[in-house]
Amino acid sequence: MDSTVSLCELDSFNNHLIAIAIVGAGAVSAVLVIVKKKEWLKQSIISEEKNEI
């Protein structure tokens, strides 16, 4: 019984780690997308200012 309980606990622990890894990867990709969009916005604003001059 003890061995099966420890295996179940280990399995649920691994599932938690996998879930945390997925959430972390999603957060990182979201941050990267936001950073890219900000860079793109800055570049478009700079190019618009150059066109006006």
PDB file of N, CA and C in Angstrom:
ATOM      1  N   MET A   1       0.835  -1.211   0.000  1.00  0.00           N
ATOM      2  CA  MET A   1       0.000   0.000   0.000  1.00  0.00           C
ATOM      3  C   MET A   1       0.870   1.262   0.000  1.00  0.00           C
ATOM      4  N   ASP A   2       1.912   1.257   0.803  1.00  0.00           N
ATOM      5  CA  ASP A   2       2.765   2.450   0.894  1.00  0.00           C
ATOM      6  C   ASP A   2       3.380   2.799  -0.462  1.00  0.00           C
ATOM      7  N   SER A   3       3.826   1.774  -1.187  1.00  0.00           N
ATOM      8  CA  SER A   3       4.473   2.030  -2.474  1.00  0.00           C
ATOM      9  C   SER A   3       3.477   2.635  -3.469  1.00  0.00           C
ATOM     10  N   THR A   4       2.229   2.154  -3.486  1.00  0.00           N
ATOM     11  CA  THR A   4       1.236   2.694  -4.423  1.00  0.00           C
ATOM     12  C   THR A   4       0.892   4.134  -4.058  1.00  0.00           C
ATOM     13  N   VAL A   5       0.807   4.426  -2.768  1.00  0.00           N
ATOM     14  CA  VAL A   5       0.500   5.794  -2.333  1.00  0.00           C
ATOM     15  C   VAL A   5       1.617   6.733  -2.769  1.00  0.00           C
ATOM     16  N   SER A   6       2.858   6.321  -2.564  1.00  0.00           N
ATOM     17  CA  SER A   6       3.982   7.180  -2.937  1.00  0.00           C
ATOM     18  C   SER A   6       4.015   7.382  -4.454  1.00  0.00           C
ATOM     19  N   LEU A   7       3.668   6.340  -5.221  1.00  0.00           N
ATOM     20  CA  LEU A   7       3.629   6.470  -6.678  1.00  0.00           C
ATOM     21  C   LEU A   7       2.550   7.463  -7.089  1.00  0.00           C
ATOM     22  N   CYS A   8       1.389   7.398  -6.447  1.00  0.00           N
ATOM     23  CA  CYS A   8       0.306   8.332  -6.761  1.00  0.00           C
ATOM     24  C   CYS A   8       0.725   9.760  -6.415  1.00  0.00           C
ATOM     25  N   GLU A   9       1.352   9.926  -5.265  1.00  0.00           N
ATOM     26  CA  GLU A   9       1.811  11.257  -4.867  1.00  0.00           C
ATOM     27  C   GLU A   9       2.844  11.778  -5.863  1.00  0.00           C
ATOM     28  N   LEU A  10       3.745  10.901  -6.273  1.00  0.00           N
ATOM     29  CA  LEU A  10       4.773  11.286  -7.234  1.00  0.00           C
ATOM     30  C   LEU A  10       4.125  11.686  -8.556  1.00  0.00           C
ATOM     31  N   ASP A  11       3.112  10.922  -8.992  1.00  0.00           N
ATOM     32  CA  ASP A  11       2.431  11.207 -10.254  1.00  0.00           C
ATOM     33  C   ASP A  11       1.735  12.560 -10.191  1.00  0.00           C
ATOM     34  N   SER A  12       1.041  12.839  -9.092  1.00  0.00           N
ATOM     35  CA  SER A  12       0.353  14.128  -8.968  1.00  0.00           C
ATOM     36  C   SER A  12       1.373  15.264  -8.892  1.00  0.00           C
ATOM     37  N   PHE A  13       2.494  15.012  -8.238  1.00  0.00           N
ATOM     38  CA  PHE A  13       3.562  16.017  -8.159  1.00  0.00           C
ATOM     39  C   PHE A  13       4.088  16.330  -9.559  1.00  0.00           C
ATOM     40  N   ASN A  14       4.305  15.279 -10.364  1.00  0.00           N
ATOM     41  CA  ASN A  14       4.771  15.472 -11.741  1.00  0.00           C
ATOM     42  C   ASN A  14       3.739  16.250 -12.546  1.00  0.00           C
ATOM     43  N   ASN A  15       2.451  15.953 -12.349  1.00  0.00           N
ATOM     44  CA  ASN A  15       1.393  16.676 -13.061  1.00  0.00           C
ATOM     45  C   ASN A  15       1.425  18.153 -12.692  1.00  0.00           C
ATOM     46  N   HIS A  16       1.654  18.454 -11.415  1.00  0.00           N
ATOM     47  CA  HIS A  16       1.746  19.855 -10.979  1.00  0.00           C
ATOM     48  C   HIS A  16       2.930  20.539 -11.660  1.00  0.00           C
ATOM     49  N   LEU A  17       4.063  19.840 -11.717  1.00  0.00           N
ATOM     50  CA  LEU A  17       5.249  20.416 -12.366  1.00  0.00           C
ATOM     51  C   LEU A  17       4.974  20.690 -13.836  1.00  0.00           C
ATOM     52  N   ILE A  18       4.302  19.744 -14.511  1.00  0.00           N
ATOM     53  CA  ILE A  18       3.985  19.913 -15.933  1.00  0.00           C
ATOM     54  C   ILE A  18       3.061  21.112 -16.115  1.00  0.00           C
ATOM     55  N   ALA A  19       2.049  21.222 -15.250  1.00  0.00           N
ATOM     56  CA  ALA A  19       1.112  22.349 -15.342  1.00  0.00           C
ATOM     57  C   ALA A  19       1.846  23.670 -15.128  1.00  0.00           C
ATOM     58  N   ILE A  20       2.729  23.711 -14.136  1.00  0.00           N
ATOM     59  CA  ILE A  20       3.500  24.930 -13.853  1.00  0.00           C
ATOM     60  C   ILE A  20       4.390  25.269 -15.050  1.00  0.00           C
ATOM     61  N   ALA A  21       5.001  24.245 -15.654  1.00  0.00           N
ATOM     62  CA  ALA A  21       5.874  24.468 -16.812  1.00  0.00           C
ATOM     63  C   ALA A  21       5.078  25.041 -17.978  1.00  0.00           C
ATOM     64  N   ILE A  22       3.863  24.500 -18.208  1.00  0.00           N
ATOM     65  CA  ILE A  22       3.017  24.988 -19.309  1.00  0.00           C
ATOM     66  C   ILE A  22       2.618  26.437 -19.056  1.00  0.00           C
ATOM     67  N   VAL A  23       2.189  26.730 -17.835  1.00  0.00           N
ATOM     68  CA  VAL A  23       1.786  28.101 -17.492  1.00  0.00           C
ATOM     69  C   VAL A  23       2.978  29.047 -17.630  1.00  0.00           C
ATOM     70  N   GLY A  24       4.134  28.610 -17.162  1.00  0.00           N
ATOM     71  CA  GLY A  24       5.337  29.435 -17.260  1.00  0.00           C
ATOM     72  C   GLY A  24       5.710  29.710 -18.708  1.00  0.00           C
ATOM     73  N   ALA A  25       5.637  28.681 -19.550  1.00  0.00           N
ATOM     74  CA  ALA A  25       5.956  28.853 -20.971  1.00  0.00           C
ATOM     75  C   ALA A  25       4.966  29.816 -21.618  1.00  0.00           C
ATOM     76  N   GLY A  26       3.692  29.697 -21.248  1.00  0.00           N
ATOM     77  CA  GLY A  26       2.677  30.606 -21.791  1.00  0.00           C
ATOM     78  C   GLY A  26       2.947  32.040 -21.378  1.00  0.00           C
ATOM     79  N   ALA A  27       3.329  32.233 -20.121  1.00  0.00           N
ATOM     80  CA  ALA A  27       3.613  33.585 -19.630  1.00  0.00           C
ATOM     81  C   ALA A  27       4.825  34.168 -20.352  1.00  0.00           C
ATOM     82  N   VAL A  28       5.855  33.365 -20.532  1.00  0.00           N
ATOM     83  CA  VAL A  28       7.070  33.840 -21.209  1.00  0.00           C
ATOM     84  C   VAL A  28       6.758  34.233 -22.647  1.00  0.00           C
ATOM     85  N   SER A  29       5.984  33.386 -23.347  1.00  0.00           N
ATOM     86  CA  SER A  29       5.652  33.697 -24.742  1.00  0.00           C
ATOM     87  C   SER A  29       4.795  34.952 -24.820  1.00  0.00           C
ATOM     88  N   ALA A  30       3.878  35.130 -23.860  1.00  0.00           N
ATOM     89  CA  ALA A  30       3.036  36.331 -23.849  1.00  0.00           C
ATOM     90  C   ALA A  30       3.894  37.578 -23.650  1.00  0.00           C
ATOM     91  N   VAL A  31       4.847  37.508 -22.733  1.00  0.00           N
ATOM     92  CA  VAL A  31       5.741  38.651 -22.482  1.00  0.00           C
ATOM     93  C   VAL A  31       6.558  38.965 -23.736  1.00  0.00           C
ATOM     94  N   LEU A  32       7.054  37.919 -24.408  1.00  0.00           N
ATOM     95  CA  LEU A  32       7.835  38.131 -25.631  1.00  0.00           C
ATOM     96  C   LEU A  32       6.990  38.803 -26.699  1.00  0.00           C
ATOM     97  N   VAL A  33       5.737  38.371 -26.838  1.00  0.00           N
ATOM     98  CA  VAL A  33       4.840  38.972 -27.836  1.00  0.00           C
ATOM     99  C   VAL A  33       4.617  40.444 -27.515  1.00  0.00           C
ATOM    100  N   ILE A  34       4.388  40.757 -26.233  1.00  0.00           N
ATOM    101  CA  ILE A  34       4.157  42.153 -25.819  1.00  0.00           C
ATOM    102  C   ILE A  34       5.398  42.996 -26.123  1.00  0.00           C
ATOM    103  N   VAL A  35       6.575  42.464 -25.808  1.00  0.00           N
ATOM    104  CA  VAL A  35       7.822  43.200 -26.059  1.00  0.00           C
ATOM    105  C   VAL A  35       7.988  43.452 -27.556  1.00  0.00           C
ATOM    106  N   LYS A  36       7.723  42.431 -28.371  1.00  0.00           N
ATOM    107  CA  LYS A  36       7.851  42.582 -29.828  1.00  0.00           C
ATOM    108  C   LYS A  36       6.887  43.649 -30.332  1.00  0.00           C
ATOM    109  N   LYS A  37       5.645  43.636 -29.815  1.00  0.00           N
ATOM    110  CA  LYS A  37       4.653  44.624 -30.252  1.00  0.00           C
ATOM    111  C   LYS A  37       5.102  46.030 -29.872  1.00  0.00           C
ATOM    112  N   LYS A  38       5.659  46.194 -28.676  1.00  0.00           N
ATOM    113  CA  LYS A  38       6.130  47.514 -28.243  1.00  0.00           C
ATOM    114  C   LYS A  38       7.259  47.991 -29.148  1.00  0.00           C
ATOM    115  N   GLU A  39       8.193  47.092 -29.486  1.00  0.00           N
ATOM    116  CA  GLU A  39       9.294  47.456 -30.382  1.00  0.00           C
ATOM    117  C   GLU A  39       8.740  47.864 -31.738  1.00  0.00           C
ATOM    118  N   TRP A  40       7.754  47.110 -32.234  1.00  0.00           N
ATOM    119  CA  TRP A  40       7.163  47.404 -33.540  1.00  0.00           C
ATOM    120  C   TRP A  40       6.464  48.759 -33.508  1.00  0.00           C
ATOM    121  N   LEU A  41       5.751  49.036 -32.407  1.00  0.00           N
ATOM    122  CA  LEU A  41       5.073  50.329 -32.265  1.00  0.00           C
ATOM    123  C   LEU A  41       6.090  51.466 -32.261  1.00  0.00           C
ATOM    124  N   LYS A  42       7.188  51.291 -31.518  1.00  0.00           N
ATOM    125  CA  LYS A  42       8.231  52.327 -31.475  1.00  0.00           C
ATOM    126  C   LYS A  42       8.790  52.571 -32.873  1.00  0.00           C
ATOM    127  N   GLN A  43       9.077  51.499 -33.602  1.00  0.00           N
ATOM    128  CA  GLN A  43       9.639  51.630 -34.949  1.00  0.00           C
ATOM    129  C   GLN A  43       8.656  52.327 -35.876  1.00  0.00           C
ATOM    130  N   SER A  44       7.368  51.992 -35.784  1.00  0.00           N
ATOM    131  CA  SER A  44       6.375  52.616 -36.656  1.00  0.00           C
ATOM    132  C   SER A  44       6.229  54.099 -36.314  1.00  0.00           C
ATOM    133  N   ILE A  45       6.280  54.444 -35.021  1.00  0.00           N
ATOM    134  CA  ILE A  45       6.187  55.851 -34.603  1.00  0.00           C
ATOM    135  C   ILE A  45       7.407  56.616 -35.122  1.00  0.00           C
ATOM    136  N   ILE A  46       8.590  56.021 -34.988  1.00  0.00           N
ATOM    137  CA  ILE A  46       9.822  56.671 -35.460  1.00  0.00           C
ATOM    138  C   ILE A  46       9.747  56.886 -36.971  1.00  0.00           C
ATOM    139  N   SER A  47       9.276  55.887 -37.712  1.00  0.00           N
ATOM    140  CA  SER A  47       9.204  56.019 -39.172  1.00  0.00           C
ATOM    141  C   SER A  47       8.185  57.088 -39.560  1.00  0.00           C
ATOM    142  N   GLU A  48       7.076  57.204 -38.806  1.00  0.00           N
ATOM    143  CA  GLU A  48       6.077  58.240 -39.084  1.00  0.00           C
ATOM    144  C   GLU A  48       6.674  59.628 -38.843  1.00  0.00           C
ATOM    145  N   GLU A  49       7.458  59.771 -37.764  1.00  0.00           N
ATOM    146  CA  GLU A  49       8.095  61.059 -37.468  1.00  0.00           C
ATOM    147  C   GLU A  49       9.077  61.428 -38.578  1.00  0.00           C
ATOM    148  N   LYS A  50       9.815  60.462 -39.095  1.00  0.00           N
ATOM    149  CA  LYS A  50      10.766  60.725 -40.181  1.00  0.00           C
ATOM    150  C   LYS A  50      10.015  61.174 -41.434  1.00  0.00           C
ATOM    151  N   ASN A  51       8.857  60.576 -41.699  1.00  0.00           N
ATOM    152  CA  ASN A  51       8.078  60.936 -42.883  1.00  0.00           C
ATOM    153  C   ASN A  51       7.552  62.363 -42.776  1.00  0.00           C
ATOM    154  N   GLU A  52       7.204  62.786 -41.558  1.00  0.00           N
ATOM    155  CA  GLU A  52       6.655  64.134 -41.360  1.00  0.00           C
ATOM    156  C   GLU A  52       7.720  65.204 -41.575  1.00  0.00           C
ATOM    157  N   ILE A  53       8.969  64.900 -41.227  1.00  0.00           N
ATOM    158  CA  ILE A  53      10.050  65.904 -41.317  1.00  0.00           C
ATOM    159  C   ILE A  53      10.460  66.186 -42.740  1.00  0.00           C
TER     160      ILE A  53
END
